[in-house]
Amino acid sequence: MKLWSIDGNAQKLDGGAMFGNAPRALWSRWAAPDEQGRIDLACRALLASPLAGKTVLFEAGIGAFFEPKLRDRYGVVEDRHVLLDSLAHAGFGPDDIDVVVLSHLHFDHAGGLLSAWKEGAEPSLVFPNATYVVGRRHFERALDPHDRDRASFIPALPGLLQSTGRLELVDSEHSRTLGDAVRFHFSDGHTPGLMLAEIVAAHDANGYPHGGVVFCADLIPGRPWVHVPITMGYDRNAELLIDEKKAFLDDMLARDVHLYFTHDPACALARVVKSSDGRFSTTNEVPALQARPLAA
């Protein structure tokens, strides 16, 4: 199996919103804001092939489905569908994708499933053969969002996914589609039922998965958020997220699972380390993956 980092459309969002209650004097050391106070964010997917005998795309980024006014409001940089360009650069087309795994259905993680905006045209799914794997509790949230995060969802998307007949809703550690090759972890601090996908590598002498890669989604969007107290203003429950993140990082550290970041503009993959005083950070940072063997 080999891994590719697949860049989608880039985004610029308010730095204060992305760093919650952290002061600008602190977060601006990690992410320099522009004149509007916005910081650069990637919307990066992960491609694995063959995984359980399939070509699997983890997430789809924000895409280009927004009309121009909303594209500007949400800081989407390019008007073309960058995800499809990146897939082509890696040697894959939309027809090649067998499975799309979605941590959640917020537009900056699932918008890339949709065709680029055209005036007068209804959105359509761009992966005609894919099975879509989504957490059950989060899918239920997408069907009936809370007022706090209603604007983060694409109203038409759940129906489009259901209409394919290839939607699998997951509520356990493994899915029917990917079997034991992918292990799911669940988190509620950012949004109910956020699903974190771990590509399982070898097992240790005790039979536990060791190594591998986990798609951190919005539990840990990038390296700055590895610091346990740092959360986003978009998180529904910051205190819960902090507790979830600490337990998650301890687990990944103990099993040497690499962290894969979707929103970090300069780093796709890193190992987590912990100092003697209990602070988490990253090492072995990799900006991009190009047909990288899992064990590398």
Protein backbone atom coordinates (compact mmCIF):
# COMPACT_ATOMS: atom_id res chain seq x y z
CA MET A 1 0.00 0.00 0.00
CA LYS A 2 1.13 3.52 -0.81
CA LEU A 3 -0.07 6.90 0.40
CA TRP A 4 -0.48 10.23 -1.38
CA SER A 5 -1.33 13.60 0.14
CA ILE A 6 -3.99 15.13 -2.10
CA ASP A 7 -4.35 18.89 -1.92
CA GLY A 8 -7.80 20.37 -2.35
CA ASN A 9 -8.80 24.01 -2.60
CA ALA A 10 -6.98 26.20 -0.09
CA GLN A 11 -8.85 28.40 2.35
CA LYS A 12 -8.31 31.53 4.43
CA LEU A 13 -10.19 31.82 7.72
CA ASP A 14 -10.10 34.19 10.68
CA GLY A 15 -7.19 33.26 12.92
CA GLY A 16 -9.08 34.09 16.10
CA ALA A 17 -11.84 31.67 15.14
CA MET A 18 -9.33 28.94 14.33
CA PHE A 19 -7.55 29.29 17.68
CA GLY A 20 -10.50 29.80 20.02
CA ASN A 21 -9.52 31.59 23.22
CA ALA A 22 -5.77 31.61 22.48
CA PRO A 23 -4.56 35.23 22.22
CA ARG A 24 -3.36 36.56 18.87
CA ALA A 25 0.10 37.20 20.34
CA LEU A 26 0.41 33.43 20.76
CA TRP A 27 -1.27 32.00 17.65
CA SER A 28 0.33 34.51 15.27
CA ARG A 29 3.69 32.81 16.00
CA TRP A 30 2.30 29.64 14.43
CA ALA A 31 0.23 31.15 11.61
CA ALA A 32 0.91 34.65 10.31
CA PRO A 33 -2.37 36.50 9.64
CA ASP A 34 -3.03 38.66 6.59
CA GLU A 35 -4.35 42.23 6.76
CA GLN A 36 -7.86 40.87 7.43
CA GLY A 37 -6.69 38.64 10.27
CA ARG A 38 -7.08 35.47 8.19
CA ILE A 39 -4.62 32.58 8.17
CA ASP A 40 -3.74 30.13 5.39
CA LEU A 41 -5.32 26.69 5.67
CA ALA A 42 -4.98 23.58 3.57
CA CYS A 43 -7.93 21.29 2.84
CA ARG A 44 -5.87 18.16 2.31
CA ALA A 45 -7.17 14.66 1.58
CA LEU A 46 -5.30 11.36 1.89
CA LEU A 47 -5.26 8.69 -0.81
CA ALA A 48 -4.36 5.07 -0.02
CA SER A 49 -4.05 2.32 -2.61
CA PRO A 50 -4.45 -0.58 -2.45
CA LEU A 51 -6.14 -0.59 0.96
CA ALA A 52 -8.32 -3.64 1.61
CA GLY A 53 -7.96 -4.19 -2.14
CA LYS A 54 -9.43 -0.78 -2.92
CA THR A 55 -8.40 2.78 -3.79
CA VAL A 56 -9.54 4.85 -0.82
CA LEU A 57 -9.81 8.62 -0.47
CA PHE A 58 -9.99 10.01 3.04
CA GLU A 59 -12.05 13.21 2.85
CA ALA A 60 -12.45 15.55 -0.07
CA GLY A 61 -11.62 19.07 1.15
CA ILE A 62 -13.76 22.11 0.52
CA GLY A 63 -13.94 21.80 -3.25
CA ALA A 64 -15.29 24.48 -5.57
CA PHE A 65 -19.06 24.07 -5.14
CA PHE A 66 -19.67 27.52 -3.63
CA GLU A 67 -21.07 30.27 -5.79
CA PRO A 68 -18.65 33.22 -6.12
CA LYS A 69 -20.19 35.29 -3.30
CA LEU A 70 -19.94 32.43 -0.80
CA ARG A 71 -16.53 31.40 -2.10
CA ASP A 72 -15.29 34.84 -1.13
CA ARG A 73 -17.12 34.80 2.23
CA TYR A 74 -15.52 31.52 3.26
CA GLY A 75 -12.08 32.36 1.91
CA VAL A 76 -11.84 29.66 -0.76
CA VAL A 77 -8.77 30.58 -2.79
CA GLU A 78 -9.22 28.85 -6.19
CA ASP A 79 -12.32 28.66 -8.36
CA ARG A 80 -11.36 25.36 -10.04
CA HIS A 81 -11.73 21.93 -8.41
CA VAL A 82 -8.16 21.53 -7.13
CA LEU A 83 -8.79 18.09 -5.58
CA LEU A 84 -9.45 16.58 -9.01
CA ASP A 85 -6.30 18.21 -10.40
CA SER A 86 -4.27 16.76 -7.51
CA LEU A 87 -5.72 13.31 -8.03
CA ALA A 88 -4.79 13.49 -11.72
CA HIS A 89 -1.26 14.52 -10.78
CA ALA A 90 -1.05 11.38 -8.62
CA GLY A 91 -2.26 9.29 -11.54
CA PHE A 92 -5.89 8.77 -10.51
CA GLY A 93 -9.23 9.91 -11.89
CA PRO A 94 -12.64 10.20 -10.19
CA ASP A 95 -13.67 6.81 -11.61
CA ASP A 96 -10.73 5.15 -9.84
CA ILE A 97 -11.95 5.98 -6.34
CA ASP A 98 -13.63 2.95 -4.77
CA VAL A 99 -14.24 4.35 -1.29
CA VAL A 100 -14.48 7.83 0.24
CA VAL A 101 -14.16 7.97 4.04
CA LEU A 102 -15.55 11.14 5.62
CA SER A 103 -14.69 12.20 9.16
CA HIS A 104 -17.73 14.49 9.08
CA LEU A 105 -19.86 16.42 6.63
CA HIS A 106 -18.85 20.04 7.28
CA PHE A 107 -18.36 21.76 3.94
CA ASP A 108 -14.60 22.15 4.26
CA HIS A 109 -14.24 18.37 4.54
CA ALA A 110 -16.98 17.14 2.20
CA GLY A 111 -17.52 19.94 -0.36
CA GLY A 112 -14.97 18.33 -2.66
CA LEU A 113 -17.44 15.50 -3.27
CA LEU A 114 -19.44 17.94 -5.40
CA SER A 115 -18.91 19.27 -8.88
CA ALA A 116 -17.55 22.79 -9.30
CA TRP A 117 -20.13 25.57 -9.28
CA LYS A 118 -21.77 26.49 -12.57
CA GLU A 119 -24.53 29.04 -12.83
CA GLY A 120 -27.92 27.36 -13.09
CA ALA A 121 -26.54 23.83 -12.53
CA GLU A 122 -27.44 21.60 -9.58
CA PRO A 123 -24.51 20.09 -7.67
CA SER A 124 -23.65 16.46 -8.40
CA LEU A 125 -21.23 13.93 -6.92
CA VAL A 126 -17.91 13.65 -8.76
CA PHE A 127 -16.99 10.08 -7.72
CA PRO A 128 -19.40 7.85 -9.65
CA ASN A 129 -18.23 4.49 -8.31
CA ALA A 130 -17.42 5.28 -4.70
CA THR A 131 -18.87 3.80 -1.55
CA TYR A 132 -19.21 6.57 1.04
CA VAL A 133 -18.29 5.71 4.64
CA VAL A 134 -19.64 8.12 7.29
CA GLY A 135 -20.22 7.87 11.03
CA ARG A 136 -23.88 7.15 11.80
CA ARG A 137 -24.28 9.66 14.63
CA HIS A 138 -22.70 12.41 12.61
CA PHE A 139 -24.85 11.66 9.58
CA GLU A 140 -27.90 12.04 11.81
CA ARG A 141 -26.52 15.41 12.92
CA ALA A 142 -26.16 16.46 9.27
CA LEU A 143 -29.80 15.59 8.64
CA ASP A 144 -30.93 17.81 11.52
CA PRO A 145 -28.16 20.30 12.41
CA HIS A 146 -28.18 22.49 15.48
CA ASP A 147 -28.46 26.22 14.90
CA ARG A 148 -24.86 26.59 16.11
CA ASP A 149 -23.40 24.67 13.18
CA ARG A 150 -26.18 24.62 10.59
CA ALA A 151 -24.16 26.85 8.25
CA SER A 152 -21.32 24.29 8.25
CA PHE A 153 -23.39 21.70 6.40
CA ILE A 154 -24.34 21.37 2.74
CA PRO A 155 -28.13 20.82 2.78
CA ALA A 156 -28.25 18.74 -0.41
CA LEU A 157 -25.33 16.45 0.42
CA PRO A 158 -26.95 13.82 2.71
CA GLY A 159 -29.66 13.17 0.13
CA LEU A 160 -27.12 12.88 -2.68
CA LEU A 161 -25.12 10.34 -0.67
CA GLN A 162 -28.23 8.31 0.17
CA SER A 163 -29.37 8.31 -3.45
CA THR A 164 -26.24 6.46 -4.59
CA GLY A 165 -27.23 3.30 -2.69
CA ARG A 166 -23.55 3.12 -1.67
CA LEU A 167 -23.66 4.90 1.70
CA GLU A 168 -22.36 2.96 4.70
CA LEU A 169 -23.04 4.40 8.14
CA VAL A 170 -20.57 3.28 10.80
CA ASP A 171 -21.04 3.07 14.56
CA SER A 172 -18.22 0.73 15.56
CA GLU A 173 -14.44 0.43 15.20
CA HIS A 174 -14.63 -1.16 11.76
CA SER A 175 -16.72 -0.82 8.61
CA ARG A 176 -18.13 -3.49 6.35
CA THR A 177 -16.41 -1.89 3.35
CA LEU A 178 -12.85 -1.73 4.72
CA GLY A 179 -12.86 -4.44 7.38
CA ASP A 180 -9.90 -4.64 9.75
CA ALA A 181 -7.69 -2.49 7.50
CA VAL A 182 -9.13 0.73 8.97
CA ARG A 183 -9.96 1.31 12.63
CA PHE A 184 -12.29 4.16 13.58
CA HIS A 185 -12.09 6.40 16.64
CA PHE A 186 -14.95 8.73 17.56
CA SER A 187 -14.97 12.21 19.06
CA ASP A 188 -17.73 14.65 20.04
CA GLY A 189 -15.84 17.81 21.01
CA HIS A 190 -15.79 19.36 17.54
CA THR A 191 -19.05 17.92 16.24
CA PRO A 192 -21.12 14.90 17.34
CA GLY A 193 -19.78 11.66 15.94
CA LEU A 194 -16.57 12.95 14.33
CA MET A 195 -14.90 9.83 12.91
CA LEU A 196 -11.11 9.53 12.91
CA ALA A 197 -9.82 6.86 10.52
CA GLU A 198 -6.66 4.94 11.40
CA ILE A 199 -5.00 2.96 8.63
CA VAL A 200 -3.81 -0.03 10.60
CA ALA A 201 -0.25 -1.22 10.14
CA ALA A 202 1.46 -4.19 11.80
CA HIS A 203 0.52 -5.63 15.20
CA ASP A 204 2.97 -5.75 18.08
CA ALA A 205 3.88 -8.81 20.16
CA ASN A 206 0.75 -8.30 22.27
CA GLY A 207 -1.52 -8.21 19.23
CA TYR A 208 -2.17 -4.44 19.29
CA PRO A 209 -1.95 -2.28 16.12
CA HIS A 210 1.39 -0.47 16.00
CA GLY A 211 2.50 2.10 13.46
CA GLY A 212 0.07 3.21 10.80
CA VAL A 213 -1.46 6.59 10.05
CA VAL A 214 -4.49 8.34 11.53
CA PHE A 215 -6.47 11.08 9.79
CA CYS A 216 -6.83 13.66 12.57
CA ALA A 217 -9.58 15.74 10.90
CA ASP A 218 -10.78 18.59 13.14
CA LEU A 219 -9.80 16.99 16.43
CA ILE A 220 -6.25 18.13 15.55
CA PRO A 221 -6.35 20.23 12.35
CA GLY A 222 -2.60 20.85 12.25
CA ARG A 223 0.55 21.02 14.34
CA PRO A 224 -0.43 23.98 16.57
CA TRP A 225 -3.52 22.10 17.77
CA VAL A 226 -1.36 19.21 19.02
CA HIS A 227 -0.90 21.47 22.06
CA VAL A 228 -3.68 20.12 24.26
CA PRO A 229 -5.26 23.42 25.44
CA ILE A 230 -5.53 24.85 21.91
CA THR A 231 -9.02 24.48 20.42
CA MET A 232 -11.04 26.20 17.71
CA GLY A 233 -13.92 28.61 18.12
CA TYR A 234 -15.84 26.24 15.86
CA ASP A 235 -15.66 23.38 18.39
CA ARG A 236 -19.00 22.65 20.04
CA ASN A 237 -17.46 21.61 23.38
CA ALA A 238 -13.89 22.77 23.94
CA GLU A 239 -13.43 21.11 27.35
CA LEU A 240 -14.61 17.75 26.03
CA LEU A 241 -12.38 18.11 22.98
CA ILE A 242 -9.34 18.74 25.17
CA ASP A 243 -10.00 15.56 27.16
CA GLU A 244 -10.58 13.58 23.95
CA LYS A 245 -7.43 14.97 22.35
CA LYS A 246 -5.22 14.09 25.32
CA ALA A 247 -6.46 10.49 25.38
CA PHE A 248 -6.14 10.25 21.59
CA LEU A 249 -2.56 11.56 21.55
CA ASP A 250 -1.50 9.27 24.39
CA ASP A 251 -2.86 6.33 22.40
CA MET A 252 -1.17 7.38 19.14
CA LEU A 253 2.12 7.98 20.96
CA ALA A 254 2.02 4.60 22.70
CA ARG A 255 1.42 2.82 19.38
CA ASP A 256 3.63 5.08 17.22
CA VAL A 257 0.76 5.99 14.89
CA HIS A 258 1.63 8.94 12.61
CA LEU A 259 -0.70 11.95 12.57
CA TYR A 260 -2.10 13.13 9.23
CA PHE A 261 -3.22 16.77 9.14
CA THR A 262 -5.89 18.15 6.85
CA HIS A 263 -5.61 21.90 7.55
CA ASP A 264 -1.86 22.43 8.17
CA PRO A 265 -0.59 24.25 5.05
CA ALA A 266 3.01 23.10 5.50
CA CYS A 267 2.81 19.64 7.06
CA ALA A 268 0.88 16.55 5.99
CA LEU A 269 2.36 13.91 8.29
CA ALA A 270 4.22 13.87 11.62
CA ARG A 271 4.99 11.73 14.64
CA VAL A 272 3.80 12.82 18.06
CA VAL A 273 6.23 13.16 20.98
CA LYS A 274 5.72 14.07 24.63
CA SER A 275 8.09 16.01 26.86
CA SER A 276 8.95 15.17 30.46
CA ASP A 277 6.46 17.78 31.65
CA GLY A 278 3.62 16.22 29.64
CA ARG A 279 3.50 18.57 26.64
CA PHE A 280 2.78 17.08 23.23
CA SER A 281 4.54 18.24 20.06
CA THR A 282 5.54 16.80 16.68
CA THR A 283 8.67 15.52 14.99
CA ASN A 284 9.59 13.88 11.68
CA GLU A 285 7.35 16.37 9.88
CA VAL A 286 6.63 15.61 6.22
CA PRO A 287 5.19 18.32 3.93
CA ALA A 288 3.69 15.98 1.31
CA LEU A 289 3.35 12.29 0.46
CA GLN A 290 3.98 10.94 -3.02
CA ALA A 291 3.44 7.16 -3.30
CA ARG A 292 4.92 6.74 0.19
CA PRO A 293 4.88 3.16 1.53
CA LEU A 294 2.94 2.94 4.78
CA ALA A 295 5.87 1.49 6.70
CA ALA A 296 8.26 4.28 5.62
